[in-house]
Protein backbone atom coordinates (compact mmCIF):
# COMPACT_ATOMS: atom_id res chain seq x y z
CA MET A 1 0.00 0.00 0.00
CA LYS A 2 2.87 2.29 0.87
CA LYS A 3 4.51 1.67 -2.49
CA PHE A 4 1.22 2.26 -4.27
CA LEU A 5 0.69 5.60 -2.53
CA LEU A 6 4.27 6.56 -3.24
CA LYS A 7 3.80 5.72 -6.89
CA LEU A 8 0.64 7.82 -6.98
CA SER A 9 2.50 10.76 -5.44
CA TYR A 10 4.90 11.07 -8.36
CA THR A 11 2.62 9.91 -11.21
CA VAL A 12 -1.06 10.77 -10.81
CA LEU A 13 -0.79 13.53 -8.19
CA PRO A 14 1.39 15.90 -10.28
CA VAL A 15 -0.99 15.53 -13.22
CA PHE A 16 -3.97 16.19 -10.95
CA LEU A 17 -2.33 19.27 -9.46
CA LEU A 18 -1.44 20.54 -12.91
CA LEU A 19 -5.01 20.12 -14.16
CA PHE A 20 -6.44 21.64 -11.01
CA GLY A 21 -4.08 24.60 -11.23
CA LEU A 22 -4.85 25.19 -14.91
CA THR A 23 -8.61 24.94 -14.31
CA ALA A 24 -8.37 27.33 -11.39
CA TYR A 25 -6.36 29.82 -13.46
CA VAL A 26 -8.83 29.72 -16.35
CA THR A 27 -11.87 29.90 -14.06
CA LEU A 28 -10.69 32.52 -11.60
CA TYR A 29 -8.46 34.74 -13.75
CA VAL A 30 -9.05 34.26 -17.48
CA THR A 31 -12.83 33.78 -17.75
CA PRO A 32 -13.84 36.83 -15.66
CA ARG A 33 -11.64 38.99 -17.90
CA THR A 34 -12.78 37.69 -21.27
CA THR A 35 -14.71 40.48 -22.99
CA GLY A 36 -16.23 40.68 -26.45
CA ASP A 37 -17.14 37.69 -28.57
CA LEU A 38 -13.49 37.18 -29.52
CA GLY A 39 -12.43 37.10 -25.88
CA HIS A 40 -15.07 34.53 -24.99
CA LEU A 41 -14.39 32.45 -28.09
CA GLY A 42 -10.60 32.40 -27.78
CA LEU A 43 -10.41 32.59 -23.97
CA ILE A 44 -8.41 35.81 -24.17
CA PRO A 45 -8.49 38.05 -21.06
CA PHE A 46 -8.88 41.37 -22.87
CA ASP A 47 -10.48 42.87 -19.76
CA CYS A 48 -11.93 45.74 -21.82
CA GLN A 49 -14.34 48.10 -20.12
CA ASP A 50 -17.99 47.99 -21.16
CA ASP A 51 -19.11 50.93 -23.27
CA SER A 52 -21.13 53.05 -20.84
CA THR A 53 -22.56 54.93 -23.83
CA GLU A 54 -25.26 52.28 -24.16
CA GLU A 55 -26.72 53.12 -20.76
CA SER A 56 -27.26 56.75 -21.74
CA MET A 57 -28.79 56.00 -25.14
CA GLU A 58 -32.50 55.54 -25.68
CA LEU A 59 -33.66 52.48 -27.59
CA LEU A 60 -35.41 53.96 -30.61
CA PHE A 61 -36.60 50.83 -32.38
CA THR A 62 -38.74 47.82 -31.48
CA ASP A 63 -37.77 44.16 -31.30
CA ILE A 64 -40.19 41.45 -32.39
CA ARG A 65 -39.85 38.17 -30.49
CA GLN A 66 -42.60 36.19 -32.21
CA SER A 67 -43.13 35.90 -35.95
CA ASP A 68 -46.89 36.10 -35.70
CA SER A 69 -46.51 39.56 -34.12
CA LEU A 70 -45.34 40.82 -37.50
CA ARG A 71 -48.98 40.94 -38.61
CA HIS A 72 -49.49 43.84 -36.19
CA VAL A 73 -46.33 45.77 -37.09
CA HIS A 74 -46.52 49.21 -38.65
CA ALA A 75 -43.08 50.54 -39.56
CA ASP A 76 -41.09 52.17 -42.31
CA VAL A 77 -38.38 49.54 -42.00
CA LEU A 78 -38.27 45.91 -40.88
CA THR A 79 -34.77 44.49 -40.32
CA VAL A 80 -33.82 40.81 -40.55
CA GLY A 81 -30.16 40.09 -39.97
CA ASP A 82 -27.42 38.22 -38.16
CA SER A 83 -25.35 39.34 -35.16
CA PHE A 84 -24.75 42.81 -36.61
CA SER A 85 -28.50 43.34 -36.21
CA LYS A 86 -28.63 42.42 -32.53
CA MET A 87 -26.48 45.18 -31.04
CA GLY A 88 -29.39 47.01 -29.45
CA ARG A 89 -28.84 50.66 -28.56
CA LEU A 90 -25.38 50.55 -30.12
CA GLY A 91 -26.60 49.04 -33.38
CA TYR A 92 -27.22 50.57 -36.78
CA GLN A 93 -31.01 50.38 -36.29
CA ASN A 94 -30.88 52.91 -33.48
CA TYR A 95 -29.06 55.41 -35.70
CA LEU A 96 -31.44 54.65 -38.55
CA ALA A 97 -34.42 55.31 -36.27
CA ALA A 98 -32.82 58.59 -35.15
CA GLN A 99 -33.30 59.86 -38.72
CA ASP A 100 -37.10 59.95 -38.37
CA VAL A 101 -37.52 56.41 -39.66
CA SER A 102 -39.67 53.95 -37.71
CA VAL A 103 -37.82 50.63 -37.33
CA VAL A 104 -38.79 47.15 -36.17
CA ASN A 105 -36.22 44.36 -35.82
CA CYS A 106 -36.81 40.61 -35.89
CA THR A 107 -34.76 39.19 -33.02
CA ARG A 108 -31.93 36.89 -34.07
CA GLU A 109 -33.31 33.96 -32.08
CA LEU A 110 -36.28 33.63 -34.44
CA TYR A 111 -34.27 32.14 -37.31
CA ASP A 112 -30.95 30.84 -38.55
CA ASN A 113 -30.69 32.22 -42.08
CA PRO A 114 -31.74 35.87 -42.70
CA PHE A 115 -32.34 35.16 -46.40
CA GLN A 116 -34.61 32.24 -45.61
CA TYR A 117 -36.56 33.98 -42.86
CA ALA A 118 -37.12 37.09 -44.96
CA TYR A 119 -38.52 34.95 -47.76
CA ASN A 120 -40.71 32.94 -45.36
CA ILE A 121 -42.39 35.95 -43.74
CA LEU A 122 -43.06 37.43 -47.17
CA ASP A 123 -44.34 34.17 -48.59
CA LEU A 124 -46.65 33.62 -45.61
CA GLY A 125 -47.99 37.14 -45.87
CA LEU A 126 -46.89 38.14 -42.38
CA VAL A 127 -45.76 41.47 -43.82
CA ASP A 128 -46.90 43.45 -46.85
CA SER A 129 -47.28 47.03 -48.01
CA THR A 130 -49.99 47.71 -45.43
CA ASN A 131 -47.56 47.47 -42.52
CA VAL A 132 -43.95 47.62 -43.85
CA LYS A 133 -42.41 49.81 -46.54
CA VAL A 134 -38.81 48.56 -46.72
CA LEU A 135 -37.40 45.18 -45.71
CA VAL A 136 -33.69 45.34 -44.84
CA VAL A 137 -31.98 41.94 -45.02
CA GLN A 138 -28.54 42.06 -43.39
CA VAL A 139 -26.01 39.28 -43.93
CA GLY A 140 -22.38 39.39 -42.73
CA GLU A 141 -19.69 39.15 -45.37
CA ARG A 142 -18.19 35.85 -44.26
CA ASP A 143 -21.61 34.12 -44.30
CA LEU A 144 -22.89 35.52 -47.59
CA VAL A 145 -22.06 32.46 -49.70
CA SER A 146 -23.21 29.85 -47.17
CA ARG A 147 -26.49 31.68 -46.49
CA ALA A 148 -27.20 31.88 -50.21
CA GLU A 149 -26.33 28.22 -50.75
CA GLU A 150 -28.67 27.15 -47.92
CA PHE A 151 -31.59 29.19 -49.25
CA ASP A 152 -34.55 27.14 -50.48
CA VAL A 153 -37.99 28.48 -51.38
CA ASP A 154 -39.53 25.23 -50.09
CA LYS A 155 -37.83 25.42 -46.69
CA VAL A 156 -39.20 27.08 -43.54
CA ASP A 157 -36.80 28.65 -41.05
CA MET A 158 -38.90 30.05 -38.22
CA VAL A 159 -38.51 29.51 -34.47
CA GLU A 160 -40.99 30.93 -32.00
CA LEU A 161 -39.85 32.21 -28.61
CA ASP A 162 -41.81 32.26 -25.39
CA PRO A 163 -43.16 35.77 -24.73
CA GLU A 164 -41.55 35.72 -21.27
CA PRO A 165 -37.90 34.79 -20.64
CA LEU A 166 -37.30 31.49 -18.94
CA PRO A 167 -36.14 31.68 -15.31
CA ASN A 168 -32.42 31.39 -14.66
CA THR A 169 -31.74 27.97 -13.18
CA GLY A 170 -28.15 28.80 -12.35
CA GLY A 171 -26.67 26.37 -14.85
CA GLY A 172 -24.16 27.25 -17.53
CA SER A 173 -22.50 30.07 -15.62
CA PRO A 174 -19.56 31.48 -17.61
CA ASN A 175 -17.44 31.27 -14.44
CA ALA A 176 -18.29 27.63 -13.68
CA TRP A 177 -15.30 25.33 -13.15
CA SER A 178 -14.77 23.43 -16.39
CA LEU A 179 -11.98 21.04 -17.26
CA LEU A 180 -13.03 21.26 -20.91
CA ARG A 181 -12.54 25.03 -20.97
CA ALA A 182 -9.15 24.57 -19.33
CA ARG A 183 -8.32 22.06 -22.07
CA ASP A 184 -9.47 24.55 -24.73
CA PHE A 185 -7.33 27.28 -23.18
CA LEU A 186 -4.26 25.05 -23.30
CA MET A 187 -4.97 23.93 -26.86
CA TYR A 188 -5.48 27.51 -28.04
CA ARG A 189 -2.15 28.58 -26.57
CA LEU A 190 -0.12 25.60 -27.79
CA HIS A 191 -1.71 24.58 -31.06
CA TRP A 192 -4.60 26.44 -32.71
CA SER A 193 -6.99 29.20 -31.74
CA PRO A 194 -10.21 30.34 -33.44
CA VAL A 195 -9.02 33.92 -32.90
CA TYR A 196 -6.06 35.18 -34.95
CA GLU A 197 -3.79 38.08 -34.00
CA VAL A 198 -1.75 40.29 -36.32
CA THR A 199 0.06 43.61 -36.03
CA LEU A 200 -1.18 46.79 -37.71
CA ASP A 201 0.96 49.59 -39.14
CA ARG A 202 -0.35 52.23 -36.70
CA ASP A 203 -2.50 52.60 -33.59
CA TYR A 204 -6.07 51.72 -34.53
CA PHE A 205 -7.51 50.96 -31.10
CA ASN A 206 -7.73 52.72 -27.76
CA SER A 207 -6.56 49.66 -25.85
CA ARG A 208 -3.50 48.28 -24.16
CA GLU A 209 -2.52 46.80 -27.55
CA PRO A 210 -3.35 49.66 -29.95
CA ARG A 211 -1.66 47.99 -32.94
CA SER A 212 -2.99 44.47 -32.43
CA LEU A 213 -5.83 43.22 -34.60
CA TYR A 214 -7.76 40.24 -33.27
CA PHE A 215 -10.21 38.65 -35.69
CA TYR A 216 -12.29 35.50 -36.08
CA CYS A 217 -10.65 32.72 -38.12
CA ALA A 218 -13.82 32.36 -40.24
CA ASP A 219 -13.07 35.79 -41.75
CA ILE A 220 -10.51 33.83 -43.77
CA SER A 221 -11.53 30.18 -43.59
CA ASN A 222 -15.02 30.84 -44.99
CA GLY A 223 -13.48 32.05 -48.22
CA LEU A 224 -11.42 34.90 -49.59
CA ASN A 225 -13.39 35.50 -52.77
CA ILE A 226 -16.72 34.64 -54.33
CA GLY A 227 -16.48 31.99 -57.03
CA GLU A 228 -18.44 32.14 -60.27
CA SER A 229 -21.05 29.55 -59.27
CA SER A 230 -21.60 31.26 -55.91
CA ARG A 231 -21.96 34.63 -57.63
CA GLN A 232 -24.80 33.31 -59.74
CA ARG A 233 -26.40 31.71 -56.69
CA ILE A 234 -26.24 34.96 -54.67
CA LYS A 235 -27.71 36.90 -57.58
CA THR A 236 -30.54 34.40 -57.94
CA VAL A 237 -31.37 34.54 -54.22
CA PHE A 238 -31.38 38.33 -54.29
CA GLN A 239 -33.66 38.41 -57.33
CA THR A 240 -36.00 35.85 -55.75
CA LEU A 241 -36.27 37.90 -52.56
CA SER A 242 -36.70 41.15 -54.47
CA GLN A 243 -39.49 39.63 -56.55
CA LYS A 244 -41.28 38.21 -53.51
CA ALA A 245 -40.97 41.55 -51.68
CA GLY A 246 -42.24 43.38 -54.77
CA ASP A 247 -45.23 41.04 -54.93
CA ARG A 248 -46.10 42.23 -51.41
CA GLY A 249 -45.55 45.89 -52.31
CA ILE A 250 -42.36 46.12 -50.24
CA ALA A 251 -38.94 47.41 -51.30
CA LEU A 252 -36.01 45.10 -50.47
CA LEU A 253 -32.62 46.40 -49.36
CA LEU A 254 -29.67 44.06 -48.88
CA MET A 255 -26.96 45.21 -46.44
CA LEU A 256 -23.54 43.52 -46.23
CA PRO A 257 -21.34 44.46 -43.22
CA VAL A 258 -17.62 44.06 -43.80
CA ASP A 259 -15.53 41.51 -41.90
CA LYS A 260 -12.95 42.84 -39.47
CA TYR A 261 -10.05 41.25 -41.34
CA ASP A 262 -11.24 42.60 -44.69
CA LEU A 263 -11.52 46.17 -43.41
CA TYR A 264 -8.03 46.25 -41.89
CA GLN A 265 -6.16 43.84 -44.20
CA ASP A 266 -4.25 46.54 -46.12
CA HIS A 267 -2.75 47.80 -42.85
CA ILE A 268 -1.46 44.49 -41.49
CA VAL A 269 2.33 44.43 -41.18
CA ASP A 270 3.82 41.60 -43.29
CA ASN A 271 0.37 40.12 -43.71
CA PRO A 272 0.72 36.30 -43.71
CA TYR A 273 -2.79 35.80 -45.07
CA PRO A 274 -4.09 36.17 -48.65
CA ARG A 275 -6.05 39.20 -49.75
CA LYS A 276 -9.82 39.05 -49.40
CA THR A 277 -11.94 40.41 -52.26
CA TYR A 278 -15.51 39.69 -51.11
CA VAL A 279 -16.69 43.28 -51.34
CA GLU A 280 -15.15 43.82 -54.76
CA ASP A 281 -16.75 40.57 -55.92
CA ALA A 282 -20.12 41.59 -54.46
CA TYR A 283 -19.91 44.89 -56.33
CA GLU A 284 -19.41 42.95 -59.56
CA ILE A 285 -22.50 40.86 -58.74
CA PHE A 286 -24.85 43.71 -57.87
CA GLY A 287 -23.32 46.82 -59.39
CA ASP A 288 -23.94 50.28 -57.94
CA VAL A 289 -27.62 50.02 -57.03
CA PRO A 290 -29.51 51.83 -54.22
CA ASN A 291 -30.98 48.65 -52.73
CA VAL A 292 -27.62 46.98 -52.01
CA LEU A 293 -25.50 48.58 -49.30
CA LEU A 294 -21.87 47.41 -49.16
CA CYS A 295 -20.54 48.76 -45.88
CA LYS A 296 -16.80 48.50 -46.53
CA PRO A 297 -16.64 51.59 -48.81
CA LEU A 298 -18.35 53.61 -46.07
CA LEU A 299 -15.81 52.65 -43.41
CA THR A 300 -12.55 52.42 -45.38
CA PRO A 301 -12.04 56.24 -45.40
CA LEU A 302 -12.05 56.17 -41.58
CA ILE A 303 -9.34 53.50 -41.56
CA GLU A 304 -7.26 55.38 -44.12
CA LYS A 305 -7.18 58.50 -41.97
CA GLY A 306 -6.27 56.50 -38.87
CA GLU A 307 -9.59 56.64 -37.02
CA LYS A 308 -9.48 54.49 -33.90
CA ASP A 309 -12.05 51.92 -32.81
CA VAL A 310 -14.01 51.64 -36.03
CA PHE A 311 -14.40 48.02 -34.98
CA LEU A 312 -14.35 46.89 -31.36
CA PHE A 313 -10.93 45.76 -30.16
CA ASP A 314 -12.17 42.59 -28.46
CA ASP A 315 -15.03 41.79 -30.79
CA SER A 316 -15.80 40.78 -34.38
CA HIS A 317 -18.38 43.57 -34.70
CA TRP A 318 -18.09 47.24 -35.46
CA SER A 319 -18.29 50.05 -32.91
CA ILE A 320 -20.88 52.79 -32.49
CA LYS A 321 -18.77 54.95 -34.82
CA ALA A 322 -19.35 52.56 -37.69
CA ALA A 323 -22.96 51.85 -36.68
CA GLU A 324 -23.76 55.56 -36.85
CA ILE A 325 -22.26 55.98 -40.30
CA VAL A 326 -24.02 52.88 -41.63
CA GLY A 327 -27.32 53.86 -39.99
CA LYS A 328 -27.29 57.33 -41.56
CA GLU A 329 -26.42 55.98 -45.01
CA LEU A 330 -29.14 53.37 -44.63
CA SER A 331 -31.67 56.10 -43.81
CA THR A 332 -30.77 57.93 -47.02
CA ARG A 333 -31.34 54.80 -49.07
CA VAL A 334 -34.50 53.81 -47.23
CA LYS A 335 -36.07 57.24 -47.78
CA ALA A 336 -35.08 57.10 -51.44
CA LEU A 337 -36.82 53.73 -51.80
CA ILE A 338 -39.91 54.93 -49.95
CA TYR A 339 -40.25 58.18 -51.88
CA HIS A 340 -38.73 56.92 -55.15
CA GLN A 341 -35.93 59.47 -55.05
CA GLU A 342 -32.50 59.46 -56.63
CA ILE A 343 -29.59 58.98 -54.19
């Protein structure tokens, strides 16, 4: 027994102490300091301060949590989008609404694919010209091809939420002790991380690492350009949605936010990654039309003049600076579609 215990002391015990120490470090130090979606995803203790601006801003648009509620909506603009459309007071909808445009947003939890959901609510007659004037469909750059490929006029992508939030049972706390998260932390540091880091040619962030650019690996892995077959597919999906919206007396506007890597790629020092041309390819697909808003051309001038925090340092989404610019441009286009004006 003595020999067995002795053997345990120099074999199993060190491993146990190592795992316990790593788990404690990740749980007590790293996790509480992970901010932004990139921090949470890559277990990076950015420890950035929350933007207190949100607390002082009034929410100027309405969220819809059940699809059937769309029948009772009366708004100039209905937005259907991905995570760029769920930023609340700091999102582009708030700045759009500030331009005397009434806005209603379909909460992200109602669907998976913005293209599909937009088609479904039009096809089912949940919205038409009697209650909505412009339908804004927002799809992030890196998901444009996959969303278009998944689109199917015979498919239904609608999830209903309970009108009241479920009570918090206490499970799934972000600070819960987890050996799996400790394993992820170790793997991300030694082998591969879903969050990439590169160095920029000047200070672009008000952070402790002003020249560091952190971005989601899918900005690259999901594709660097739009192939010919995908271009035709995207064009077909857009035409199908536009036709269905037109049948309901609604104008369709497609908005494509730029990926973080794409926006900053020309300012990465010794960039080890290939050049991304999604926005240029999208322009070739759609041309210069008022009902397609490519956001990169709006934000690139800010980057070129060295504006800081156009995107959030610890996040894959843009900041309120970008949201305001996009929201104001969107209002110009929306009003032009409503009143049939030239932009």
